[in-house]
């Protein structure tokens, strides 16, 4: 759990003040991260962040039309997510990031 906490702290500390959309593997992890953002960065940053839970291929549609800073949490990357779902999410996030100004 300590390593997971360290990675979460790094993610939270690396967020911009404008927040981000964070892709997670489970909704409870999303709630835990949002609470951590609130505790470490304050209400203003927490209010600018949202989490999206993606577990199945059908969940990838939730990423359509997203903009701004998008982060894939370790819970998704290292979680029990099917490889084809991971690939779809990574592809969608790459498209979102490519649309961002340099």
N, C-alpha and C. Protein backbone atom coordinates (compact mmCIF):
# COMPACT_ATOMS: atom_id res chain seq x y z
N UNK A 1 0.82 -1.20 0.00
CA UNK A 1 0.00 0.00 0.00
C UNK A 1 0.86 1.25 0.00
N UNK A 2 2.04 1.20 0.62
CA UNK A 2 2.91 2.36 0.68
C UNK A 2 3.35 2.83 -0.68
N UNK A 3 3.68 1.88 -1.56
CA UNK A 3 4.10 2.24 -2.91
C UNK A 3 2.95 2.88 -3.69
N UNK A 4 1.75 2.35 -3.51
CA UNK A 4 0.57 2.92 -4.16
C UNK A 4 0.33 4.34 -3.67
N UNK A 5 0.51 4.56 -2.38
CA UNK A 5 0.33 5.90 -1.81
C UNK A 5 1.36 6.87 -2.39
N UNK A 6 2.60 6.41 -2.51
CA UNK A 6 3.65 7.26 -3.07
C UNK A 6 3.32 7.65 -4.51
N UNK A 7 2.85 6.69 -5.30
CA UNK A 7 2.50 6.99 -6.70
C UNK A 7 1.31 7.95 -6.76
N UNK A 8 0.35 7.76 -5.86
CA UNK A 8 -0.81 8.66 -5.83
C UNK A 8 -0.37 10.07 -5.46
N UNK A 9 0.52 10.19 -4.49
CA UNK A 9 1.03 11.51 -4.10
C UNK A 9 1.75 12.18 -5.26
N UNK A 10 2.53 11.41 -6.01
CA UNK A 10 3.22 11.96 -7.18
C UNK A 10 2.21 12.45 -8.22
N UNK A 11 1.19 11.66 -8.46
CA UNK A 11 0.16 12.06 -9.42
C UNK A 11 -0.51 13.35 -8.95
N UNK A 12 -0.90 13.38 -7.70
CA UNK A 12 -1.61 14.55 -7.15
C UNK A 12 -0.72 15.79 -7.18
N UNK A 13 0.51 15.63 -6.76
CA UNK A 13 1.43 16.77 -6.74
C UNK A 13 1.76 17.26 -8.15
N UNK A 14 1.67 16.38 -9.13
CA UNK A 14 1.97 16.74 -10.51
C UNK A 14 0.82 17.39 -11.25
N UNK A 15 -0.34 17.44 -10.63
CA UNK A 15 -1.49 18.07 -11.29
C UNK A 15 -1.30 19.57 -11.37
N UNK A 16 -1.78 20.15 -12.44
CA UNK A 16 -1.76 21.60 -12.55
C UNK A 16 -2.90 22.17 -11.70
N UNK A 17 -2.85 23.45 -11.44
CA UNK A 17 -3.92 24.09 -10.68
C UNK A 17 -5.25 24.06 -11.43
N UNK A 18 -5.17 23.84 -12.75
CA UNK A 18 -6.38 23.75 -13.56
C UNK A 18 -7.02 22.37 -13.49
N UNK A 19 -6.36 21.44 -12.80
CA UNK A 19 -6.93 20.11 -12.62
C UNK A 19 -6.69 19.19 -13.79
N UNK A 20 -7.44 18.10 -13.79
CA UNK A 20 -7.26 17.08 -14.83
C UNK A 20 -8.43 16.11 -14.78
N UNK A 21 -8.49 15.31 -15.82
CA UNK A 21 -9.36 14.14 -15.83
C UNK A 21 -8.45 12.95 -15.58
N UNK A 22 -8.80 12.15 -14.60
CA UNK A 22 -7.96 11.02 -14.21
C UNK A 22 -8.73 9.73 -14.50
N UNK A 23 -8.12 8.87 -15.28
CA UNK A 23 -8.74 7.60 -15.63
C UNK A 23 -8.30 6.56 -14.61
N UNK A 24 -9.28 5.91 -14.00
CA UNK A 24 -9.01 4.92 -12.95
C UNK A 24 -9.70 3.60 -13.30
N UNK A 25 -9.30 2.55 -12.59
CA UNK A 25 -9.85 1.22 -12.85
C UNK A 25 -11.13 0.94 -12.06
N UNK A 26 -11.29 1.60 -10.93
CA UNK A 26 -12.47 1.35 -10.09
C UNK A 26 -12.95 2.67 -9.49
N UNK A 27 -14.24 2.77 -9.29
CA UNK A 27 -14.81 4.01 -8.77
C UNK A 27 -14.34 4.31 -7.35
N UNK A 28 -14.10 3.29 -6.54
CA UNK A 28 -13.61 3.56 -5.18
C UNK A 28 -12.22 4.18 -5.21
N UNK A 29 -11.42 3.80 -6.18
CA UNK A 29 -10.10 4.42 -6.33
C UNK A 29 -10.27 5.87 -6.76
N UNK A 30 -11.22 6.13 -7.62
CA UNK A 30 -11.50 7.50 -8.03
C UNK A 30 -11.90 8.37 -6.86
N UNK A 31 -12.77 7.85 -6.00
CA UNK A 31 -13.18 8.62 -4.81
C UNK A 31 -11.99 8.84 -3.88
N UNK A 32 -11.16 7.83 -3.71
CA UNK A 32 -9.97 7.93 -2.86
C UNK A 32 -9.00 8.99 -3.40
N UNK A 33 -8.81 8.99 -4.72
CA UNK A 33 -7.93 10.00 -5.33
C UNK A 33 -8.50 11.40 -5.17
N UNK A 34 -9.80 11.55 -5.41
CA UNK A 34 -10.43 12.87 -5.25
C UNK A 34 -10.25 13.38 -3.82
N UNK A 35 -10.40 12.51 -2.84
CA UNK A 35 -10.20 12.90 -1.45
C UNK A 35 -8.74 13.31 -1.22
N UNK A 36 -7.83 12.55 -1.81
CA UNK A 36 -6.41 12.88 -1.69
C UNK A 36 -6.07 14.21 -2.34
N UNK A 37 -6.69 14.49 -3.47
CA UNK A 37 -6.48 15.78 -4.14
C UNK A 37 -6.98 16.90 -3.24
N UNK A 38 -8.14 16.70 -2.67
CA UNK A 38 -8.71 17.71 -1.76
C UNK A 38 -7.77 17.95 -0.58
N UNK A 39 -7.27 16.88 0.01
CA UNK A 39 -6.42 17.01 1.19
C UNK A 39 -5.06 17.61 0.88
N UNK A 40 -4.47 17.25 -0.26
CA UNK A 40 -3.11 17.71 -0.59
C UNK A 40 -3.09 19.04 -1.35
N UNK A 41 -4.11 19.27 -2.17
CA UNK A 41 -4.07 20.43 -3.06
C UNK A 41 -5.18 21.45 -2.79
N UNK A 42 -6.16 21.05 -2.01
CA UNK A 42 -7.23 21.98 -1.66
C UNK A 42 -8.47 21.83 -2.53
N UNK A 43 -9.50 22.52 -2.09
CA UNK A 43 -10.81 22.42 -2.74
C UNK A 43 -10.80 22.93 -4.17
N UNK A 44 -10.07 24.02 -4.43
CA UNK A 44 -10.08 24.59 -5.78
C UNK A 44 -9.55 23.61 -6.82
N UNK A 45 -8.45 22.97 -6.52
CA UNK A 45 -7.89 21.99 -7.47
C UNK A 45 -8.79 20.76 -7.53
N UNK A 46 -9.26 20.30 -6.38
CA UNK A 46 -10.13 19.12 -6.35
C UNK A 46 -11.38 19.35 -7.19
N UNK A 47 -11.92 20.55 -7.12
CA UNK A 47 -13.12 20.86 -7.90
C UNK A 47 -12.85 20.89 -9.40
N UNK A 48 -11.59 21.09 -9.77
CA UNK A 48 -11.22 21.12 -11.20
C UNK A 48 -10.84 19.73 -11.72
N UNK A 49 -10.89 18.74 -10.86
CA UNK A 49 -10.52 17.38 -11.26
C UNK A 49 -11.76 16.49 -11.32
N UNK A 50 -11.68 15.52 -12.20
CA UNK A 50 -12.72 14.50 -12.23
C UNK A 50 -12.06 13.17 -12.52
N UNK A 51 -12.71 12.13 -12.07
CA UNK A 51 -12.21 10.79 -12.36
C UNK A 51 -13.22 10.09 -13.26
N UNK A 52 -12.70 9.27 -14.13
CA UNK A 52 -13.54 8.45 -15.00
C UNK A 52 -13.10 7.00 -14.81
N UNK A 53 -14.06 6.17 -14.47
CA UNK A 53 -13.78 4.75 -14.29
C UNK A 53 -13.96 4.03 -15.62
N UNK A 54 -12.92 3.32 -16.02
CA UNK A 54 -12.97 2.52 -17.24
C UNK A 54 -12.56 1.10 -16.88
N UNK A 55 -13.51 0.19 -17.02
CA UNK A 55 -13.24 -1.21 -16.74
C UNK A 55 -13.45 -2.10 -17.96
N UNK A 56 -14.34 -1.65 -18.83
CA UNK A 56 -14.74 -2.47 -19.98
C UNK A 56 -14.65 -1.65 -21.26
N UNK A 57 -14.66 -2.36 -22.35
CA UNK A 57 -14.61 -1.72 -23.67
C UNK A 57 -15.72 -0.67 -23.81
N UNK A 58 -16.89 -0.97 -23.30
CA UNK A 58 -18.03 -0.04 -23.43
C UNK A 58 -17.82 1.24 -22.63
N UNK A 59 -16.91 1.25 -21.67
CA UNK A 59 -16.63 2.44 -20.87
C UNK A 59 -15.77 3.46 -21.61
N UNK A 60 -15.10 3.03 -22.66
CA UNK A 60 -14.17 3.91 -23.37
C UNK A 60 -14.92 5.11 -23.97
N UNK A 61 -16.19 4.95 -24.26
CA UNK A 61 -17.00 6.04 -24.81
C UNK A 61 -17.01 7.25 -23.88
N UNK A 62 -16.79 7.03 -22.59
CA UNK A 62 -16.76 8.13 -21.62
C UNK A 62 -15.64 9.12 -21.93
N UNK A 63 -14.65 8.70 -22.71
CA UNK A 63 -13.52 9.57 -23.02
C UNK A 63 -13.76 10.44 -24.25
N UNK A 64 -14.82 10.16 -24.97
CA UNK A 64 -15.12 10.93 -26.18
C UNK A 64 -15.36 12.39 -25.85
N UNK A 65 -14.72 13.24 -26.60
CA UNK A 65 -14.92 14.67 -26.44
C UNK A 65 -14.15 15.31 -25.30
N UNK A 66 -13.34 14.53 -24.60
CA UNK A 66 -12.57 15.11 -23.51
C UNK A 66 -11.50 16.05 -24.05
N UNK A 67 -11.18 17.03 -23.25
CA UNK A 67 -10.08 17.93 -23.54
C UNK A 67 -9.33 18.19 -22.26
N UNK A 68 -8.37 19.04 -22.32
CA UNK A 68 -7.61 19.37 -21.12
C UNK A 68 -6.60 18.28 -20.77
N UNK A 69 -6.12 18.37 -19.57
CA UNK A 69 -5.10 17.45 -19.09
C UNK A 69 -5.75 16.12 -18.70
N UNK A 70 -5.29 15.04 -19.30
CA UNK A 70 -5.83 13.71 -19.01
C UNK A 70 -4.69 12.84 -18.49
N UNK A 71 -4.94 12.17 -17.37
CA UNK A 71 -3.94 11.33 -16.72
C UNK A 71 -4.51 9.93 -16.57
N UNK A 72 -3.67 8.94 -16.84
CA UNK A 72 -4.06 7.55 -16.61
C UNK A 72 -3.42 7.12 -15.30
N UNK A 73 -4.24 6.80 -14.31
CA UNK A 73 -3.74 6.40 -13.00
C UNK A 73 -3.14 5.00 -13.06
N UNK A 74 -2.22 4.74 -12.15
CA UNK A 74 -1.59 3.42 -12.06
C UNK A 74 -2.62 2.31 -11.81
N UNK A 75 -3.72 2.63 -11.16
CA UNK A 75 -4.74 1.61 -10.91
C UNK A 75 -5.28 1.07 -12.22
N UNK A 76 -5.27 1.91 -13.24
CA UNK A 76 -5.72 1.46 -14.56
C UNK A 76 -4.58 0.74 -15.27
N UNK A 77 -3.42 1.36 -15.28
CA UNK A 77 -2.28 0.80 -16.00
C UNK A 77 -1.88 -0.56 -15.45
N UNK A 78 -1.86 -0.68 -14.13
CA UNK A 78 -1.39 -1.91 -13.49
C UNK A 78 -2.53 -2.78 -12.98
N UNK A 79 -3.76 -2.37 -13.25
CA UNK A 79 -4.91 -3.10 -12.72
C UNK A 79 -5.30 -4.29 -13.58
N UNK A 80 -6.41 -4.85 -13.21
CA UNK A 80 -6.94 -6.04 -13.87
C UNK A 80 -7.80 -5.66 -15.07
N UNK A 81 -7.26 -4.85 -15.95
CA UNK A 81 -7.99 -4.39 -17.12
C UNK A 81 -7.51 -5.19 -18.32
N UNK A 82 -8.44 -5.60 -19.15
CA UNK A 82 -8.08 -6.39 -20.33
C UNK A 82 -7.15 -5.58 -21.24
N UNK A 83 -6.17 -6.24 -21.83
CA UNK A 83 -5.19 -5.55 -22.68
C UNK A 83 -5.83 -4.75 -23.81
N UNK A 84 -6.89 -5.26 -24.41
CA UNK A 84 -7.51 -4.52 -25.51
C UNK A 84 -8.20 -3.24 -25.02
N UNK A 85 -8.70 -3.25 -23.78
CA UNK A 85 -9.30 -2.05 -23.21
C UNK A 85 -8.20 -1.03 -22.91
N UNK A 86 -7.09 -1.50 -22.35
CA UNK A 86 -5.96 -0.60 -22.10
C UNK A 86 -5.50 0.05 -23.39
N UNK A 87 -5.40 -0.75 -24.45
CA UNK A 87 -4.95 -0.21 -25.73
C UNK A 87 -5.92 0.84 -26.27
N UNK A 88 -7.21 0.59 -26.14
CA UNK A 88 -8.20 1.57 -26.60
C UNK A 88 -8.09 2.87 -25.81
N UNK A 89 -7.94 2.76 -24.51
CA UNK A 89 -7.82 3.96 -23.67
C UNK A 89 -6.54 4.72 -24.01
N UNK A 90 -5.44 4.02 -24.13
CA UNK A 90 -4.18 4.68 -24.45
C UNK A 90 -4.27 5.39 -25.80
N UNK A 91 -4.92 4.77 -26.76
CA UNK A 91 -5.09 5.38 -28.08
C UNK A 91 -5.96 6.64 -27.97
N UNK A 92 -7.05 6.54 -27.24
CA UNK A 92 -7.95 7.70 -27.08
C UNK A 92 -7.25 8.84 -26.35
N UNK A 93 -6.49 8.53 -25.32
CA UNK A 93 -5.75 9.56 -24.59
C UNK A 93 -4.69 10.20 -25.48
N UNK A 94 -4.04 9.41 -26.31
CA UNK A 94 -3.05 9.97 -27.24
C UNK A 94 -3.70 10.96 -28.19
N UNK A 95 -4.90 10.66 -28.65
CA UNK A 95 -5.63 11.58 -29.54
C UNK A 95 -5.97 12.87 -28.79
N UNK A 96 -6.44 12.73 -27.55
CA UNK A 96 -6.77 13.91 -26.74
C UNK A 96 -5.54 14.78 -26.54
N UNK A 97 -4.43 14.15 -26.19
CA UNK A 97 -3.20 14.90 -25.95
C UNK A 97 -2.67 15.56 -27.21
N UNK A 98 -2.86 14.91 -28.35
CA UNK A 98 -2.39 15.47 -29.62
C UNK A 98 -3.15 16.74 -29.98
N UNK A 99 -4.36 16.87 -29.49
CA UNK A 99 -5.17 18.06 -29.78
C UNK A 99 -4.79 19.25 -28.90
N UNK A 100 -4.00 19.00 -27.86
CA UNK A 100 -3.62 20.06 -26.93
C UNK A 100 -2.56 20.95 -27.56
N UNK A 101 -2.63 22.25 -27.27
CA UNK A 101 -1.59 23.14 -27.78
C UNK A 101 -0.24 22.79 -27.16
N UNK A 102 0.79 22.97 -27.93
CA UNK A 102 2.14 22.62 -27.46
C UNK A 102 2.66 23.57 -26.42
